[in-house]
Amino acid sequence: MAKVTVDKDLCIGCGLCADTCPDVFQLEDDGKAGVKSQDAANANLSCAKDAASTCPTEAIKVQE
């Protein structure tokens, strides 16, 4: 089971991850990205990896 995380210190809240993979990522009240749930991330792992690879600040990590 993979673990998907967003480093809030690196995230700039651009929303690219939420646009790329809306089933996994959302912009939260602080304006930064967050993972909706690990279950959603694992069910959409390929999509989560795509979002991680397109993140301009490399704030998204996927650990398998």
PDB file of N, CA and C in Angstrom:
ATOM      1  N   MET A   1       0.844  -1.182   0.000  1.00  0.00           N
ATOM      2  CA  MET A   1       0.000   0.000   0.000  1.00  0.00           C
ATOM      3  C   MET A   1       0.887   1.242   0.000  1.00  0.00           C
ATOM      4  N   ALA A   2       0.643   2.124  -0.928  1.00  0.00           N
ATOM      5  CA  ALA A   2       1.433   3.346  -1.057  1.00  0.00           C
ATOM      6  C   ALA A   2       0.935   4.409  -0.082  1.00  0.00           C
ATOM      7  N   LYS A   3       1.830   5.362   0.196  1.00  0.00           N
ATOM      8  CA  LYS A   3       1.460   6.503   1.019  1.00  0.00           C
ATOM      9  C   LYS A   3       1.725   7.768   0.207  1.00  0.00           C
ATOM     10  N   VAL A   4       0.707   8.606   0.070  1.00  0.00           N
ATOM     11  CA  VAL A   4       0.816   9.852  -0.681  1.00  0.00           C
ATOM     12  C   VAL A   4       0.709  11.005   0.297  1.00  0.00           C
ATOM     13  N   THR A   5       1.676  11.925   0.224  1.00  0.00           N
ATOM     14  CA  THR A   5       1.690  13.071   1.135  1.00  0.00           C
ATOM     15  C   THR A   5       1.959  14.366   0.367  1.00  0.00           C
ATOM     16  N   VAL A   6       1.555  15.473   0.994  1.00  0.00           N
ATOM     17  CA  VAL A   6       1.848  16.805   0.467  1.00  0.00           C
ATOM     18  C   VAL A   6       2.622  17.558   1.535  1.00  0.00           C
ATOM     19  N   ASP A   7       3.787  18.057   1.172  1.00  0.00           N
ATOM     20  CA  ASP A   7       4.594  18.870   2.086  1.00  0.00           C
ATOM     21  C   ASP A   7       4.043  20.294   2.048  1.00  0.00           C
ATOM     22  N   LYS A   8       3.361  20.686   3.114  1.00  0.00           N
ATOM     23  CA  LYS A   8       2.704  22.000   3.176  1.00  0.00           C
ATOM     24  C   LYS A   8       3.705  23.150   3.118  1.00  0.00           C
ATOM     25  N   ASP A   9       4.947  22.901   3.522  1.00  0.00           N
ATOM     26  CA  ASP A   9       5.966  23.950   3.456  1.00  0.00           C
ATOM     27  C   ASP A   9       6.386  24.232   2.013  1.00  0.00           C
ATOM     28  N   LEU A  10       6.317  23.223   1.170  1.00  0.00           N
ATOM     29  CA  LEU A  10       6.693  23.387  -0.235  1.00  0.00           C
ATOM     30  C   LEU A  10       5.525  23.778  -1.128  1.00  0.00           C
ATOM     31  N   CYS A  11       4.326  23.370  -0.764  1.00  0.00           N
ATOM     32  CA  CYS A  11       3.138  23.606  -1.590  1.00  0.00           C
ATOM     33  C   CYS A  11       2.869  25.106  -1.730  1.00  0.00           C
ATOM     34  N   ILE A  12       2.590  25.524  -2.985  1.00  0.00           N
ATOM     35  CA  ILE A  12       2.255  26.929  -3.240  1.00  0.00           C
ATOM     36  C   ILE A  12       0.772  27.120  -3.541  1.00  0.00           C
ATOM     37  N   GLY A  13       0.011  26.038  -3.468  1.00  0.00           N
ATOM     38  CA  GLY A  13      -1.438  26.127  -3.664  1.00  0.00           C
ATOM     39  C   GLY A  13      -1.857  26.448  -5.085  1.00  0.00           C
ATOM     40  N   CYS A  14      -1.083  26.004  -6.064  1.00  0.00           N
ATOM     41  CA  CYS A  14      -1.408  26.319  -7.464  1.00  0.00           C
ATOM     42  C   CYS A  14      -2.627  25.529  -7.964  1.00  0.00           C
ATOM     43  N   GLY A  15      -2.930  24.391  -7.324  1.00  0.00           N
ATOM     44  CA  GLY A  15      -4.097  23.599  -7.684  1.00  0.00           C
ATOM     45  C   GLY A  15      -3.889  22.632  -8.834  1.00  0.00           C
ATOM     46  N   LEU A  16      -2.667  22.553  -9.358  1.00  0.00           N
ATOM     47  CA  LEU A  16      -2.407  21.651 -10.480  1.00  0.00           C
ATOM     48  C   LEU A  16      -2.703  20.200 -10.114  1.00  0.00           C
ATOM     49  N   CYS A  17      -2.364  19.802  -8.895  1.00  0.00           N
ATOM     50  CA  CYS A  17      -2.617  18.417  -8.485  1.00  0.00           C
ATOM     51  C   CYS A  17      -4.111  18.117  -8.436  1.00  0.00           C
ATOM     52  N   ALA A  18      -4.890  19.057  -7.922  1.00  0.00           N
ATOM     53  CA  ALA A  18      -6.338  18.862  -7.848  1.00  0.00           C
ATOM     54  C   ALA A  18      -6.964  18.838  -9.237  1.00  0.00           C
ATOM     55  N   ASP A  19      -6.393  19.601 -10.168  1.00  0.00           N
ATOM     56  CA  ASP A  19      -6.875  19.564 -11.548  1.00  0.00           C
ATOM     57  C   ASP A  19      -6.482  18.259 -12.226  1.00  0.00           C
ATOM     58  N   THR A  20      -5.271  17.776 -11.937  1.00  0.00           N
ATOM     59  CA  THR A  20      -4.754  16.555 -12.550  1.00  0.00           C
ATOM     60  C   THR A  20      -5.432  15.313 -11.984  1.00  0.00           C
ATOM     61  N   CYS A  21      -5.667  15.312 -10.675  1.00  0.00           N
ATOM     62  CA  CYS A  21      -6.182  14.120 -10.005  1.00  0.00           C
ATOM     63  C   CYS A  21      -7.189  14.521  -8.908  1.00  0.00           C
ATOM     64  N   PRO A  22      -8.372  14.960  -9.310  1.00  0.00           N
ATOM     65  CA  PRO A  22      -9.348  15.463  -8.329  1.00  0.00           C
ATOM     66  C   PRO A  22      -9.898  14.405  -7.372  1.00  0.00           C
ATOM     67  N   ASP A  23      -9.760  13.134  -7.711  1.00  0.00           N
ATOM     68  CA  ASP A  23     -10.224  12.083  -6.801  1.00  0.00           C
ATOM     69  C   ASP A  23      -9.306  11.921  -5.600  1.00  0.00           C
ATOM     70  N   VAL A  24      -8.064  12.426  -5.718  1.00  0.00           N
ATOM     71  CA  VAL A  24      -7.078  12.256  -4.656  1.00  0.00           C
ATOM     72  C   VAL A  24      -6.758  13.558  -3.934  1.00  0.00           C
ATOM     73  N   PHE A  25      -6.640  14.656  -4.691  1.00  0.00           N
ATOM     74  CA  PHE A  25      -6.181  15.919  -4.099  1.00  0.00           C
ATOM     75  C   PHE A  25      -7.275  16.977  -4.084  1.00  0.00           C
ATOM     76  N   GLN A  26      -7.177  17.847  -3.090  1.00  0.00           N
ATOM     77  CA  GLN A  26      -8.084  18.986  -2.984  1.00  0.00           C
ATOM     78  C   GLN A  26      -7.318  20.154  -2.371  1.00  0.00           C
ATOM     79  N   LEU A  27      -7.774  21.363  -2.666  1.00  0.00           N
ATOM     80  CA  LEU A  27      -7.220  22.522  -1.983  1.00  0.00           C
ATOM     81  C   LEU A  27      -7.978  22.667  -0.672  1.00  0.00           C
ATOM     82  N   GLU A  28      -7.248  22.830   0.398  1.00  0.00           N
ATOM     83  CA  GLU A  28      -7.845  22.883   1.732  1.00  0.00           C
ATOM     84  C   GLU A  28      -8.042  24.325   2.182  1.00  0.00           C
ATOM     85  N   ASP A  29      -8.587  24.497   3.368  1.00  0.00           N
ATOM     86  CA  ASP A  29      -8.908  25.825   3.888  1.00  0.00           C
ATOM     87  C   ASP A  29      -7.699  26.749   3.960  1.00  0.00           C
ATOM     88  N   ASP A  30      -6.501  26.179   4.108  1.00  0.00           N
ATOM     89  CA  ASP A  30      -5.286  26.995   4.171  1.00  0.00           C
ATOM     90  C   ASP A  30      -4.786  27.391   2.782  1.00  0.00           C
ATOM     91  N   GLY A  31      -5.520  26.973   1.723  1.00  0.00           N
ATOM     92  CA  GLY A  31      -5.149  27.315   0.363  1.00  0.00           C
ATOM     93  C   GLY A  31      -4.114  26.386  -0.243  1.00  0.00           C
ATOM     94  N   LYS A  32      -3.708  25.384   0.506  1.00  0.00           N
ATOM     95  CA  LYS A  32      -2.706  24.438   0.033  1.00  0.00           C
ATOM     96  C   LYS A  32      -3.351  23.083  -0.223  1.00  0.00           C
ATOM     97  N   ALA A  33      -2.657  22.269  -0.988  1.00  0.00           N
ATOM     98  CA  ALA A  33      -3.195  20.966  -1.368  1.00  0.00           C
ATOM     99  C   ALA A  33      -3.157  19.985  -0.210  1.00  0.00           C
ATOM    100  N   GLY A  34      -4.085  19.045  -0.259  1.00  0.00           N
ATOM    101  CA  GLY A  34      -4.116  17.960   0.702  1.00  0.00           C
ATOM    102  C   GLY A  34      -4.624  16.704   0.026  1.00  0.00           C
ATOM    103  N   VAL A  35      -4.327  15.569   0.628  1.00  0.00           N
ATOM    104  CA  VAL A  35      -4.790  14.277   0.134  1.00  0.00           C
ATOM    105  C   VAL A  35      -6.154  14.012   0.755  1.00  0.00           C
ATOM    106  N   LYS A  36      -7.129  13.711  -0.085  1.00  0.00           N
ATOM    107  CA  LYS A  36      -8.480  13.444   0.420  1.00  0.00           C
ATOM    108  C   LYS A  36      -8.492  12.250   1.355  1.00  0.00           C
ATOM    109  N   SER A  37      -7.871  11.151   0.924  1.00  0.00           N
ATOM    110  CA  SER A  37      -7.731   9.965   1.771  1.00  0.00           C
ATOM    111  C   SER A  37      -6.693   9.047   1.156  1.00  0.00           C
ATOM    112  N   GLN A  38      -6.046   8.257   1.994  1.00  0.00           N
ATOM    113  CA  GLN A  38      -5.069   7.292   1.491  1.00  0.00           C
ATOM    114  C   GLN A  38      -5.755   6.215   0.666  1.00  0.00           C
ATOM    115  N   ASP A  39      -6.996   5.877   1.017  1.00  0.00           N
ATOM    116  CA  ASP A  39      -7.734   4.890   0.224  1.00  0.00           C
ATOM    117  C   ASP A  39      -7.947   5.393  -1.197  1.00  0.00           C
ATOM    118  N   ALA A  40      -8.334   6.666  -1.325  1.00  0.00           N
ATOM    119  CA  ALA A  40      -8.523   7.260  -2.651  1.00  0.00           C
ATOM    120  C   ALA A  40      -7.204   7.310  -3.401  1.00  0.00           C
ATOM    121  N   ALA A  41      -6.123   7.626  -2.693  1.00  0.00           N
ATOM    122  CA  ALA A  41      -4.804   7.688  -3.326  1.00  0.00           C
ATOM    123  C   ALA A  41      -4.389   6.321  -3.859  1.00  0.00           C
ATOM    124  N   ASN A  42      -4.623   5.276  -3.095  1.00  0.00           N
ATOM    125  CA  ASN A  42      -4.248   3.936  -3.534  1.00  0.00           C
ATOM    126  C   ASN A  42      -5.132   3.437  -4.667  1.00  0.00           C
ATOM    127  N   ALA A  43      -6.388   3.829  -4.661  1.00  0.00           N
ATOM    128  CA  ALA A  43      -7.300   3.432  -5.729  1.00  0.00           C
ATOM    129  C   ALA A  43      -6.963   4.156  -7.038  1.00  0.00           C
ATOM    130  N   ASN A  44      -6.287   5.298  -6.941  1.00  0.00           N
ATOM    131  CA  ASN A  44      -5.948   6.121  -8.103  1.00  0.00           C
ATOM    132  C   ASN A  44      -4.445   6.406  -8.132  1.00  0.00           C
ATOM    133  N   LEU A  45      -3.649   5.392  -7.861  1.00  0.00           N
ATOM    134  CA  LEU A  45      -2.211   5.581  -7.679  1.00  0.00           C
ATOM    135  C   LEU A  45      -1.525   6.147  -8.922  1.00  0.00           C
ATOM    136  N   SER A  46      -1.902   5.680 -10.080  1.00  0.00           N
ATOM    137  CA  SER A  46      -1.299   6.194 -11.311  1.00  0.00           C
ATOM    138  C   SER A  46      -1.563   7.687 -11.462  1.00  0.00           C
ATOM    139  N   CYS A  47      -2.776   8.081 -11.168  1.00  0.00           N
ATOM    140  CA  CYS A  47      -3.157   9.492 -11.223  1.00  0.00           C
ATOM    141  C   CYS A  47      -2.379  10.305 -10.182  1.00  0.00           C
ATOM    142  N   ALA A  48      -2.228   9.778  -8.984  1.00  0.00           N
ATOM    143  CA  ALA A  48      -1.480  10.462  -7.929  1.00  0.00           C
ATOM    144  C   ALA A  48      -0.020  10.645  -8.332  1.00  0.00           C
ATOM    145  N   LYS A  49       0.541   9.631  -8.991  1.00  0.00           N
ATOM    146  CA  LYS A  49       1.924   9.729  -9.475  1.00  0.00           C
ATOM    147  C   LYS A  49       2.042  10.802 -10.556  1.00  0.00           C
ATOM    148  N   ASP A  50       1.039  10.890 -11.432  1.00  0.00           N
ATOM    149  CA  ASP A  50       1.045  11.933 -12.457  1.00  0.00           C
ATOM    150  C   ASP A  50       1.038  13.317 -11.807  1.00  0.00           C
ATOM    151  N   ALA A  51       0.207  13.484 -10.792  1.00  0.00           N
ATOM    152  CA  ALA A  51       0.141  14.765 -10.088  1.00  0.00           C
ATOM    153  C   ALA A  51       1.472  15.083  -9.417  1.00  0.00           C
ATOM    154  N   ALA A  52       2.096  14.072  -8.827  1.00  0.00           N
ATOM    155  CA  ALA A  52       3.391  14.283  -8.178  1.00  0.00           C
ATOM    156  C   ALA A  52       4.443  14.713  -9.187  1.00  0.00           C
ATOM    157  N   SER A  53       4.423  14.124 -10.367  1.00  0.00           N
ATOM    158  CA  SER A  53       5.438  14.448 -11.370  1.00  0.00           C
ATOM    159  C   SER A  53       5.229  15.826 -11.984  1.00  0.00           C
ATOM    160  N   THR A  54       4.006  16.357 -11.912  1.00  0.00           N
ATOM    161  CA  THR A  54       3.744  17.678 -12.487  1.00  0.00           C
ATOM    162  C   THR A  54       3.781  18.797 -11.449  1.00  0.00           C
ATOM    163  N   CYS A  55       3.910  18.456 -10.180  1.00  0.00           N
ATOM    164  CA  CYS A  55       3.938  19.478  -9.124  1.00  0.00           C
ATOM    165  C   CYS A  55       5.172  20.375  -9.317  1.00  0.00           C
ATOM    166  N   PRO A  56       4.964  21.687  -9.462  1.00  0.00           N
ATOM    167  CA  PRO A  56       6.104  22.573  -9.745  1.00  0.00           C
ATOM    168  C   PRO A  56       7.096  22.713  -8.593  1.00  0.00           C
ATOM    169  N   THR A  57       6.680  22.385  -7.386  1.00  0.00           N
ATOM    170  CA  THR A  57       7.589  22.509  -6.236  1.00  0.00           C
ATOM    171  C   THR A  57       7.991  21.165  -5.650  1.00  0.00           C
ATOM    172  N   GLU A  58       7.566  20.073  -6.311  1.00  0.00           N
ATOM    173  CA  GLU A  58       7.856  18.718  -5.841  1.00  0.00           C
ATOM    174  C   GLU A  58       7.371  18.484  -4.405  1.00  0.00           C
ATOM    175  N   ALA A  59       6.214  19.050  -4.091  1.00  0.00           N
ATOM    176  CA  ALA A  59       5.651  18.932  -2.741  1.00  0.00           C
ATOM    177  C   ALA A  59       4.941  17.601  -2.514  1.00  0.00           C
ATOM    178  N   ILE A  60       4.605  16.900  -3.574  1.00  0.00           N
ATOM    179  CA  ILE A  60       3.876  15.636  -3.457  1.00  0.00           C
ATOM    180  C   ILE A  60       4.853  14.472  -3.485  1.00  0.00           C
ATOM    181  N   LYS A  61       4.713  13.592  -2.517  1.00  0.00           N
ATOM    182  CA  LYS A  61       5.557  12.402  -2.436  1.00  0.00           C
ATOM    183  C   LYS A  61       4.672  11.167  -2.481  1.00  0.00           C
ATOM    184  N   VAL A  62       5.100  10.180  -3.260  1.00  0.00           N
ATOM    185  CA  VAL A  62       4.423   8.891  -3.322  1.00  0.00           C
ATOM    186  C   VAL A  62       5.433   7.839  -2.896  1.00  0.00           C
ATOM    187  N   GLN A  63       5.174   7.239  -1.742  1.00  0.00           N
ATOM    188  CA  GLN A  63       6.064   6.192  -1.222  1.00  0.00           C
ATOM    189  C   GLN A  63       5.371   4.851  -1.384  1.00  0.00           C
ATOM    190  N   GLU A  64       6.046   3.961  -2.098  1.00  0.00           N
ATOM    191  CA  GLU A  64       5.444   2.630  -2.325  1.00  0.00           C
ATOM    192  C   GLU A  64       6.123   1.595  -1.469  1.00  0.00           C
TER     193      GLU A  64
END
